[in-house]
Amino acid sequence: MTAKQNNKIKAIVFDVDGVLIHSKDSNGDFYWKKTIREDLGISKEQTKLFFKDYWTDVGAGKIDTLDAIDQFLKSISSKLKPEDFLNYWHEKDSNINIDTINFVKELKDLGFKLYIGTNQEKYRTNHLWNKLRFKNLFDEIFPSYKVGFEKPDIYYFKFIEESLNLTGEQIIFIDDTEKIVSSALSLNWNAFLHTDVTKTKEFVYNLIKT
């Protein structure tokens, strides 16, 4: 594929869950939790407690994920090892969106710098980057635990701008959460709400072609 590049665009940033990864079904239920009661003896409702009580600190890198999981499991009287819960979550939450990945490959072939912008803890970041081989497609990943802020906090986006030495006008950003897209737009990022890859491709190609 050939296309003239818009010299203004220097980076394209993709979210993970809901964009690069199929994380939820059509009813909004997380795929990785579908059989968790049968597999681990923990209910879907109980898993919500982990994200409600611990995720803010985990996602911002203020507490180690395994320590938080250990506290969570003890709070629900589970004998499960934190490592087993973590590995289950990561392995089950690895349903790659092939259509989006193929689009990423197209952009890589065109020579664009590609990045991941995600609210993520360190162990899943490693899982995505190394085990799922996202490192072979993207130039860098910006997980919230390293940034110290989570999307939609504007300081998350400012961190990326400073790291890449770019302004918002030079960045395309794809995310599936409206409030996150709105935050990026407020900083003049070329942000788009992802619902399907066809619409996302149309948005991106309209920007990068001159």
Protein backbone atom coordinates (compact mmCIF):
# COMPACT_ATOMS: atom_id res chain seq x y z
CA MET A 1 0.00 0.00 0.00
CA THR A 2 1.23 3.47 -0.82
CA ALA A 3 0.05 6.82 0.47
CA LYS A 4 1.47 10.28 0.74
CA GLN A 5 2.05 11.12 4.37
CA ASN A 6 0.74 14.24 6.01
CA ASN A 7 3.96 15.69 7.39
CA LYS A 8 2.05 17.12 10.34
CA ILE A 9 1.28 13.68 11.79
CA LYS A 10 4.29 12.27 13.63
CA ALA A 11 2.74 9.61 15.86
CA ILE A 12 -0.33 7.37 16.06
CA VAL A 13 -1.34 6.12 19.51
CA PHE A 14 -3.67 3.15 20.07
CA ASP A 15 -5.55 2.11 23.20
CA VAL A 16 -5.47 -1.58 24.14
CA ASP A 17 -8.75 -2.89 25.55
CA GLY A 18 -11.60 -2.39 23.13
CA VAL A 19 -9.21 -1.44 20.32
CA LEU A 20 -6.25 -3.83 20.03
CA ILE A 21 -7.89 -6.42 22.27
CA HIS A 22 -11.49 -7.67 22.16
CA SER A 23 -12.19 -7.22 25.87
CA LYS A 24 -16.02 -7.25 26.04
CA ASP A 25 -18.88 -9.00 24.29
CA SER A 26 -21.88 -7.24 22.74
CA ASN A 27 -23.54 -7.04 26.17
CA GLY A 28 -20.57 -5.29 27.70
CA ASP A 29 -19.44 -8.33 29.71
CA PHE A 30 -15.71 -8.99 30.00
CA TYR A 31 -14.65 -12.15 28.14
CA TRP A 32 -12.04 -13.05 30.75
CA LYS A 33 -14.66 -13.27 33.51
CA LYS A 34 -17.14 -15.50 31.68
CA THR A 35 -16.14 -18.77 33.38
CA ILE A 36 -14.20 -17.41 36.35
CA ARG A 37 -16.57 -18.89 38.95
CA GLU A 38 -16.20 -22.36 37.46
CA ASP A 39 -12.45 -21.97 36.98
CA LEU A 40 -11.34 -20.13 40.11
CA GLY A 41 -14.33 -20.15 42.46
CA ILE A 42 -14.61 -16.35 42.31
CA SER A 43 -17.73 -14.57 41.07
CA LYS A 44 -17.84 -11.77 38.53
CA GLU A 45 -19.26 -9.51 41.22
CA GLN A 46 -16.32 -10.25 43.50
CA THR A 47 -13.82 -9.30 40.78
CA LYS A 48 -15.46 -5.88 40.61
CA LEU A 49 -14.30 -5.29 44.18
CA PHE A 50 -10.68 -5.60 43.09
CA PHE A 51 -11.04 -2.92 40.45
CA LYS A 52 -13.20 -0.73 42.67
CA ASP A 53 -10.97 -0.88 45.75
CA TYR A 54 -7.47 -1.31 44.33
CA TRP A 55 -7.22 -0.40 40.67
CA THR A 56 -6.72 3.34 41.10
CA ASP A 57 -3.47 2.76 43.00
CA VAL A 58 -2.45 -0.22 40.87
CA GLY A 59 -3.06 1.59 37.59
CA ALA A 60 -1.04 4.60 38.73
CA GLY A 61 1.85 2.42 39.88
CA LYS A 62 1.41 3.22 43.56
CA ILE A 63 1.01 -0.41 44.65
CA ASP A 64 2.27 -3.66 43.14
CA THR A 65 -0.46 -5.62 41.40
CA LEU A 66 0.32 -8.87 43.19
CA ASP A 67 0.18 -7.15 46.58
CA ALA A 68 -3.20 -5.67 45.69
CA ILE A 69 -4.50 -9.02 44.45
CA ASP A 70 -3.28 -10.68 47.64
CA GLN A 71 -5.23 -8.17 49.74
CA PHE A 72 -8.28 -8.62 47.52
CA LEU A 73 -8.21 -12.42 47.72
CA LYS A 74 -7.89 -12.30 51.50
CA SER A 75 -10.83 -9.90 51.69
CA ILE A 76 -13.09 -12.45 49.96
CA SER A 77 -11.59 -15.40 51.89
CA SER A 78 -10.14 -17.01 48.77
CA LYS A 79 -7.22 -19.43 49.10
CA LEU A 80 -6.14 -18.75 45.53
CA LYS A 81 -2.57 -17.59 44.98
CA PRO A 82 -2.23 -14.02 43.64
CA GLU A 83 -0.06 -15.28 40.78
CA ASP A 84 -2.77 -17.72 39.69
CA PHE A 85 -5.41 -14.99 39.60
CA LEU A 86 -3.08 -12.67 37.68
CA ASN A 87 -2.09 -15.30 35.12
CA TYR A 88 -5.71 -16.35 34.61
CA TRP A 89 -6.76 -12.75 33.99
CA HIS A 90 -3.95 -12.05 31.54
CA GLU A 91 -4.27 -15.28 29.57
CA LYS A 92 -8.05 -14.96 29.27
CA ASP A 93 -7.83 -11.27 28.35
CA SER A 94 -5.68 -11.77 25.25
CA ASN A 95 -8.25 -11.90 22.46
CA ILE A 96 -6.42 -9.89 19.82
CA ASN A 97 -8.50 -7.81 17.39
CA ILE A 98 -7.02 -9.08 14.14
CA ASP A 99 -8.68 -6.39 12.02
CA THR A 100 -7.14 -3.59 14.09
CA ILE A 101 -3.76 -5.32 14.17
CA ASN A 102 -3.80 -5.64 10.38
CA PHE A 103 -4.50 -1.91 10.19
CA VAL A 104 -1.58 -1.25 12.52
CA LYS A 105 0.62 -3.29 10.17
CA GLU A 106 -0.52 -1.15 7.25
CA LEU A 107 0.48 2.00 9.10
CA LYS A 108 3.82 0.49 10.08
CA ASP A 109 4.50 -0.35 6.43
CA LEU A 110 3.82 3.31 5.61
CA GLY A 111 6.56 4.29 8.04
CA PHE A 112 4.52 5.86 10.84
CA LYS A 113 5.70 5.85 14.44
CA LEU A 114 3.19 3.78 16.39
CA TYR A 115 2.57 3.77 20.14
CA ILE A 116 0.28 2.24 22.73
CA GLY A 117 -1.48 4.46 25.27
CA THR A 118 -3.16 2.37 27.94
CA ASN A 119 -4.32 2.32 31.55
CA GLN A 120 -2.25 -0.70 32.54
CA GLU A 121 -0.36 -2.28 35.40
CA LYS A 122 3.17 -3.58 35.01
CA TYR A 123 2.56 -7.32 34.69
CA ARG A 124 -0.04 -7.05 31.95
CA THR A 125 2.10 -4.44 30.23
CA ASN A 126 4.87 -7.05 30.06
CA HIS A 127 2.34 -9.66 28.88
CA LEU A 128 1.13 -7.41 26.05
CA TRP A 129 4.56 -6.21 25.01
CA ASN A 130 6.45 -9.49 25.14
CA LYS A 131 4.11 -12.48 25.13
CA LEU A 132 1.57 -11.01 22.69
CA ARG A 133 4.48 -9.49 20.74
CA PHE A 134 3.14 -5.96 20.50
CA LYS A 135 6.78 -4.92 20.66
CA ASN A 136 7.10 -6.13 17.07
CA LEU A 137 4.54 -3.58 15.86
CA PHE A 138 4.83 -0.58 18.14
CA ASP A 139 7.72 1.75 18.91
CA GLU A 140 6.83 2.20 22.58
CA ILE A 141 4.10 1.60 25.13
CA PHE A 142 2.89 4.21 27.63
CA PRO A 143 1.25 2.29 30.49
CA SER A 144 -0.39 4.36 33.21
CA TYR A 145 1.65 2.70 35.96
CA LYS A 146 4.81 4.23 34.47
CA VAL A 147 3.22 7.56 33.61
CA GLY A 148 1.83 7.96 37.12
CA PHE A 149 -1.54 9.11 35.82
CA GLU A 150 -4.43 7.31 34.15
CA LYS A 151 -6.43 8.41 31.16
CA PRO A 152 -8.47 10.65 30.99
CA ASP A 153 -6.22 12.78 33.22
CA ILE A 154 -4.69 15.45 30.97
CA TYR A 155 -1.31 14.85 32.59
CA TYR A 156 -1.31 11.39 31.05
CA PHE A 157 -1.47 12.97 27.59
CA LYS A 158 1.00 15.70 28.50
CA PHE A 159 3.47 12.99 29.55
CA ILE A 160 3.29 11.46 26.07
CA GLU A 161 3.69 14.85 24.41
CA GLU A 162 6.80 15.55 26.45
CA SER A 163 8.21 12.05 25.94
CA LEU A 164 7.83 12.28 22.16
CA ASN A 165 8.55 16.02 21.99
CA LEU A 166 5.35 16.52 20.00
CA THR A 167 2.23 18.67 20.22
CA GLY A 168 -1.31 17.34 20.17
CA GLU A 169 -1.78 18.41 16.56
CA GLN A 170 0.99 15.99 15.56
CA ILE A 171 -0.61 12.96 17.23
CA ILE A 172 -3.49 10.70 16.19
CA PHE A 173 -5.12 8.91 19.12
CA ILE A 174 -7.57 6.00 18.93
CA ASP A 175 -9.59 4.97 22.02
CA ASP A 176 -12.95 3.37 22.66
CA THR A 177 -13.94 5.44 25.73
CA GLU A 178 -15.72 8.73 25.10
CA LYS A 179 -14.46 10.64 28.14
CA ILE A 180 -10.88 9.69 27.31
CA VAL A 181 -11.26 10.83 23.71
CA SER A 182 -12.81 14.11 24.95
CA SER A 183 -9.82 14.70 27.23
CA ALA A 184 -7.38 14.18 24.36
CA LEU A 185 -9.40 16.48 22.13
CA SER A 186 -9.16 19.20 24.78
CA LEU A 187 -5.38 19.16 24.22
CA ASN A 188 -5.83 19.37 20.44
CA TRP A 189 -4.96 15.74 19.82
CA ASN A 190 -6.48 14.21 16.67
CA ALA A 191 -8.55 11.83 18.80
CA PHE A 192 -11.18 9.41 17.52
CA LEU A 193 -13.76 7.24 19.29
CA HIS A 194 -13.20 3.70 18.06
CA THR A 195 -16.31 1.61 17.43
CA ASP A 196 -15.14 -0.47 14.48
CA VAL A 197 -11.98 -0.64 12.42
CA THR A 198 -13.61 0.54 9.18
CA LYS A 199 -14.57 3.91 10.66
CA THR A 200 -11.22 4.21 12.43
CA LYS A 201 -9.31 3.54 9.22
CA GLU A 202 -11.36 6.15 7.38
CA PHE A 203 -10.58 8.74 10.07
CA VAL A 204 -6.87 7.99 10.11
CA TYR A 205 -6.40 7.83 6.35
CA ASN A 206 -8.26 11.10 5.90
CA LEU A 207 -5.69 12.71 8.21
CA ILE A 208 -2.52 11.14 6.91
CA LYS A 209 -3.20 11.48 3.19
CA THR A 210 -2.49 14.83 1.56
